[in-house]
Protein backbone atom coordinates (compact mmCIF):
# COMPACT_ATOMS: atom_id res chain seq x y z
CA MET A 1 42.34 91.04 241.58
CA SER A 2 40.67 93.84 239.65
CA GLY A 3 37.19 92.39 240.24
CA THR A 4 36.31 91.99 236.55
CA ARG A 5 39.30 90.14 235.10
CA PRO A 6 42.77 89.02 236.19
CA LEU A 7 45.41 91.69 235.93
CA ARG A 8 47.48 91.43 232.76
CA PHE A 9 51.17 91.10 233.62
CA ALA A 10 54.05 91.41 231.12
CA THR A 11 57.81 91.07 231.41
CA PHE A 12 60.33 93.09 229.43
CA LEU A 13 63.37 91.82 231.32
CA ALA A 14 66.10 89.25 230.61
CA PRO A 15 64.73 85.88 229.42
CA GLY A 16 66.45 84.05 232.27
CA LEU A 17 64.31 85.94 234.79
CA ARG A 18 61.00 84.91 233.21
CA PRO A 19 60.29 82.01 235.63
CA LEU A 20 60.75 84.36 238.57
CA TYR A 21 58.25 86.85 237.23
CA GLN A 22 55.83 84.13 236.16
CA HIS A 23 55.80 83.06 239.81
CA VAL A 24 55.31 86.65 240.98
CA ALA A 25 52.45 87.19 238.54
CA GLU A 26 50.73 83.98 239.62
CA ALA A 27 51.16 84.88 243.29
CA CYS A 28 49.38 88.15 242.54
CA GLY A 29 46.44 86.39 240.91
CA ALA A 30 47.35 87.23 237.32
CA GLY A 31 46.56 85.38 234.13
CA PRO A 32 49.41 84.06 231.94
CA LEU A 33 52.53 86.23 231.90
CA VAL A 34 52.92 88.06 228.59
CA ASP A 35 56.35 88.37 226.98
CA GLY A 36 56.73 92.02 226.07
CA GLY A 37 58.55 93.07 222.92
CA ASP A 38 59.08 96.82 222.76
CA TRP A 39 58.62 98.91 225.91
CA ARG A 40 56.45 101.38 223.98
CA GLU A 41 53.72 98.74 224.09
CA LEU A 42 53.04 99.92 227.64
CA ALA A 43 51.75 103.24 226.31
CA SER A 44 48.58 101.52 225.04
CA GLY A 45 47.40 100.77 228.59
CA GLU A 46 46.60 97.15 227.71
CA VAL A 47 49.14 95.82 230.24
CA ASP A 48 48.22 96.40 233.87
CA VAL A 49 51.52 95.45 235.51
CA ALA A 50 54.97 95.11 233.98
CA PHE A 51 58.46 94.07 234.99
CA VAL A 52 60.69 96.47 233.12
CA CYS A 53 64.04 98.20 233.29
CA SER A 54 64.21 101.73 234.64
CA PRO A 55 64.75 103.79 231.44
CA PRO A 56 61.28 103.00 230.01
CA LEU A 57 59.75 104.11 233.32
CA VAL A 58 61.35 107.51 232.75
CA TRP A 59 60.63 107.72 229.03
CA LEU A 60 56.95 106.79 229.40
CA ASP A 61 56.59 109.96 231.49
CA GLY A 62 53.67 109.11 233.75
CA VAL A 63 51.96 106.49 231.58
CA VAL A 64 53.20 103.91 234.07
CA GLU A 65 54.23 104.31 237.71
CA ALA A 66 56.69 102.29 239.78
CA ILE A 67 55.19 100.65 242.85
CA ALA A 68 57.81 98.09 243.93
CA ALA A 69 61.28 96.74 243.22
CA PRO A 70 63.18 93.57 244.15
CA VAL A 71 65.69 93.34 246.97
CA LEU A 72 68.50 90.99 245.98
CA THR A 73 70.04 88.51 248.41
CA ASP A 74 73.50 89.89 247.63
CA PRO A 75 74.79 91.27 250.98
CA ARG A 76 76.43 94.23 249.23
CA PHE A 77 73.03 95.90 248.97
CA GLY A 78 72.12 95.84 252.66
CA GLY A 79 68.49 94.86 252.16
CA LEU A 80 67.79 97.76 249.80
CA PRO A 81 66.35 97.56 246.25
CA LEU A 82 69.67 98.02 244.48
CA TYR A 83 71.75 96.17 241.92
CA THR A 84 74.99 96.58 240.00
CA SER A 85 76.50 95.92 236.61
CA GLU A 86 79.64 93.79 236.57
CA VAL A 87 82.26 94.55 233.94
CA VAL A 88 83.33 91.16 232.61
CA VAL A 89 86.26 90.21 230.39
CA ALA A 90 87.73 86.92 229.20
CA ALA A 91 89.64 85.15 231.96
CA GLU A 92 92.89 85.00 229.98
CA SER A 93 92.79 88.64 228.86
CA SER A 94 95.10 91.33 230.21
CA TYR A 95 92.28 93.76 231.06
CA ARG A 96 92.04 94.77 234.71
CA SER A 97 89.52 97.63 234.65
CA LEU A 98 87.06 99.52 232.48
CA ALA A 99 89.85 102.03 231.82
CA ASP A 100 91.90 99.24 230.24
CA LEU A 101 89.04 98.59 227.80
CA ALA A 102 89.33 101.96 226.06
CA GLY A 103 89.53 101.21 222.34
CA ALA A 104 88.44 97.58 222.84
CA ARG A 105 85.43 95.65 221.52
CA TRP A 106 82.40 96.07 223.77
CA ALA A 107 78.97 94.42 223.83
CA VAL A 108 75.95 96.40 224.99
CA ASN A 109 72.64 94.82 225.93
CA GLU A 110 70.22 97.16 224.12
CA PRO A 111 69.19 100.82 224.41
CA SER A 112 66.43 100.43 226.99
CA SER A 113 68.66 98.58 229.46
CA TRP A 114 70.16 100.55 232.31
CA SER A 115 72.49 97.79 233.50
CA GLY A 116 73.72 96.76 230.04
CA TYR A 117 73.75 100.12 228.27
CA TRP A 118 73.18 103.39 230.10
CA VAL A 119 75.24 102.74 233.22
CA THR A 120 78.29 102.18 231.02
CA LEU A 121 77.56 105.23 228.89
CA ALA A 122 77.24 107.32 232.06
CA ARG A 123 80.76 106.25 233.01
CA VAL A 124 82.56 106.52 229.66
CA GLY A 125 80.65 109.50 228.23
CA ASP A 126 80.42 108.36 224.62
CA TRP A 127 80.42 105.04 222.78
CA ALA A 128 83.46 106.28 220.85
CA TYR A 129 85.36 105.36 224.03
CA PHE A 130 85.42 101.81 222.66
CA GLY A 131 86.89 100.70 219.37
CA GLN A 132 83.76 98.74 218.48
CA VAL A 133 80.33 98.48 220.09
CA VAL A 134 78.09 95.50 219.29
CA GLU A 135 74.43 95.23 220.35
CA ALA A 136 73.95 91.75 221.81
CA GLY A 137 70.22 92.07 222.57
CA PHE A 138 70.31 90.61 226.07
CA HIS A 139 72.79 89.94 228.85
CA GLN A 140 73.17 86.19 228.35
CA ARG A 141 74.31 86.66 224.75
CA ALA A 142 76.70 89.46 225.71
CA LEU A 143 78.21 87.20 228.35
CA ARG A 144 78.66 84.39 225.83
CA MET A 145 80.31 86.80 223.41
CA VAL A 146 82.86 87.74 226.07
CA ALA A 147 83.49 84.12 227.02
CA GLU A 148 83.96 83.13 223.37
CA GLY A 149 86.27 86.05 222.57
CA ALA A 150 83.88 87.72 220.11
CA VAL A 151 84.17 90.93 222.17
CA ASP A 152 86.55 92.06 224.89
CA GLY A 153 84.12 93.19 227.55
CA SER A 154 80.55 93.91 228.60
CA ALA A 155 78.55 95.15 231.61
CA ILE A 156 76.30 92.38 232.94
CA ASP A 157 73.42 92.72 235.42
CA CYS A 158 74.73 91.18 238.66
CA GLN A 159 71.58 89.10 239.14
CA VAL A 160 71.75 87.67 235.62
CA LEU A 161 75.46 87.00 236.04
CA ALA A 162 74.86 85.09 239.28
CA LEU A 163 72.18 83.00 237.56
CA GLU A 164 74.38 82.25 234.57
CA LEU A 165 77.34 81.24 236.75
CA ARG A 166 75.11 78.92 238.77
CA GLU A 167 73.52 77.31 235.71
CA ARG A 168 76.76 77.22 233.69
CA PRO A 169 79.58 76.89 236.23
CA GLU A 170 82.13 76.40 233.45
CA LEU A 171 81.74 80.13 232.68
CA ALA A 172 83.59 80.93 235.91
CA GLU A 173 86.78 79.67 234.28
CA ARG A 174 86.22 81.69 231.12
CA ILE A 175 85.36 85.16 232.40
CA ARG A 176 86.52 87.59 235.11
CA VAL A 177 84.83 90.55 236.77
CA VAL A 178 87.19 93.52 236.70
CA GLU A 179 84.97 96.36 237.91
CA THR A 180 81.53 97.10 239.32
CA LEU A 181 79.27 99.90 238.04
CA GLY A 182 76.65 101.13 240.47
CA PRO A 183 74.80 100.38 242.63
CA SER A 184 71.64 101.58 240.91
CA PRO A 185 67.96 101.32 241.88
CA SER A 186 66.75 97.87 240.88
CA GLN A 187 64.28 97.24 238.08
CA PRO A 188 60.80 98.53 238.91
CA VAL A 189 57.49 96.76 238.97
CA VAL A 190 55.27 99.28 237.18
CA VAL A 191 51.51 99.65 236.84
CA ARG A 192 49.51 101.64 234.32
CA SER A 193 48.79 105.01 235.87
CA SER A 194 45.03 104.56 235.38
CA LEU A 195 44.91 101.44 237.58
CA ASP A 196 42.50 102.17 240.42
CA ALA A 197 43.87 102.87 243.86
CA GLU A 198 42.23 99.90 245.56
CA THR A 199 43.63 97.39 243.07
CA ARG A 200 47.02 99.04 243.25
CA ALA A 201 47.06 98.81 247.05
CA ARG A 202 46.10 95.11 247.03
CA LEU A 203 48.77 94.40 244.44
CA LEU A 204 51.43 96.16 246.48
CA ASP A 205 50.40 94.25 249.61
CA ARG A 206 50.83 90.96 247.77
CA LEU A 207 54.19 91.96 246.35
CA LEU A 208 55.51 93.05 249.75
CA ALA A 209 54.37 89.76 251.31
CA LEU A 210 56.23 87.54 248.84
CA ARG A 211 59.06 85.45 250.28
CA GLY A 212 60.50 81.99 249.92
CA PRO A 213 62.50 79.59 247.73
CA ALA A 214 60.81 80.56 244.45
CA LEU A 215 62.27 84.06 244.86
CA GLU A 216 65.54 83.01 246.44
CA ARG A 217 66.30 80.73 243.49
CA TYR A 218 66.64 83.93 241.48
CA PHE A 219 68.60 85.71 244.20
CA VAL A 220 65.61 87.80 245.30
CA GLU A 221 64.90 88.17 249.02
CA ARG A 222 61.69 90.19 248.81
CA PHE A 223 60.07 93.24 247.22
CA LEU A 224 59.96 96.72 248.74
CA PRO A 225 58.15 99.89 247.67
CA ALA A 226 59.86 101.41 244.64
CA PRO A 227 62.94 103.53 245.35
CA SER A 228 63.61 106.86 243.66
CA TYR A 229 64.67 106.62 240.03
CA ALA A 230 65.79 110.25 239.97
CA PRO A 231 69.46 109.32 239.32
CA VAL A 232 68.38 107.35 236.25
CA ALA A 233 66.16 110.18 235.06
CA ALA A 234 68.96 112.70 235.52
CA GLU A 235 71.34 110.70 233.35
CA LEU A 236 68.74 110.02 230.66
CA SER A 237 67.78 113.71 230.51
CA ARG A 238 71.25 114.44 229.14
CA ARG A 239 70.70 112.33 226.02
CA PRO A 240 67.96 111.82 223.42
CA ARG A 241 65.47 109.03 223.93
CA PRO A 242 66.04 106.15 221.49
CA GLU A 243 63.36 106.02 218.81
CA ALA A 244 64.12 102.67 217.15
CA PRO A 245 62.21 99.68 218.58
CA ALA A 246 64.12 97.93 221.33
CA ARG A 247 63.45 95.37 224.02
CA SER A 248 63.95 96.16 227.67
CA GLY A 249 66.58 93.83 229.02
CA GLY A 250 67.26 95.30 232.46
């Protein structure tokens, strides 16, 4: 699309969403989708387009810019680029809300994830709210930890949860959703800020035109221009940016 080489796309989101974003990258004329490690890799400018969670967009401070975001098929979101985190507990537990989980064992995704980390911290104020906090690394592992009783609760991206329940229907008998956090602006598609305007416009046109079963399989209806991430930025401004390497898990 750039005229000299295919755009380089990378994903920093949950592993279960990789086939979705491989399809999106191919539909936009990209080369092979790169699996990102640490979100700070985007500062080098070697990646043209990335699928990433919202905190790195804020922390990179203009190095990348959001151009689009997915609209989920979930009717709760009214056709807007929003998503939620679902607080899950073991089905047989006595927990009925996040308030009940004070002092309990909690699994976070990792520190660059809004849905699995920051949205919970925004609600509870401090990780000392829980008796123990374990870093799972990504949503699927956190969900398994809850189902297996290794922790008492976790906040799971609603899209990832829907995928896991479809692919592993037995999980429905092992976990319960007790509360919803959000909605929040959904994960942005970002471009390096130096990407030329013409290429950026063509890319956005392609993203906005995407429809069909390959998206719907991952509970995505379409893409829209990126919403405001000001609420995310406001919350993150209250706390120091994490310095240790971490993946972006959404």
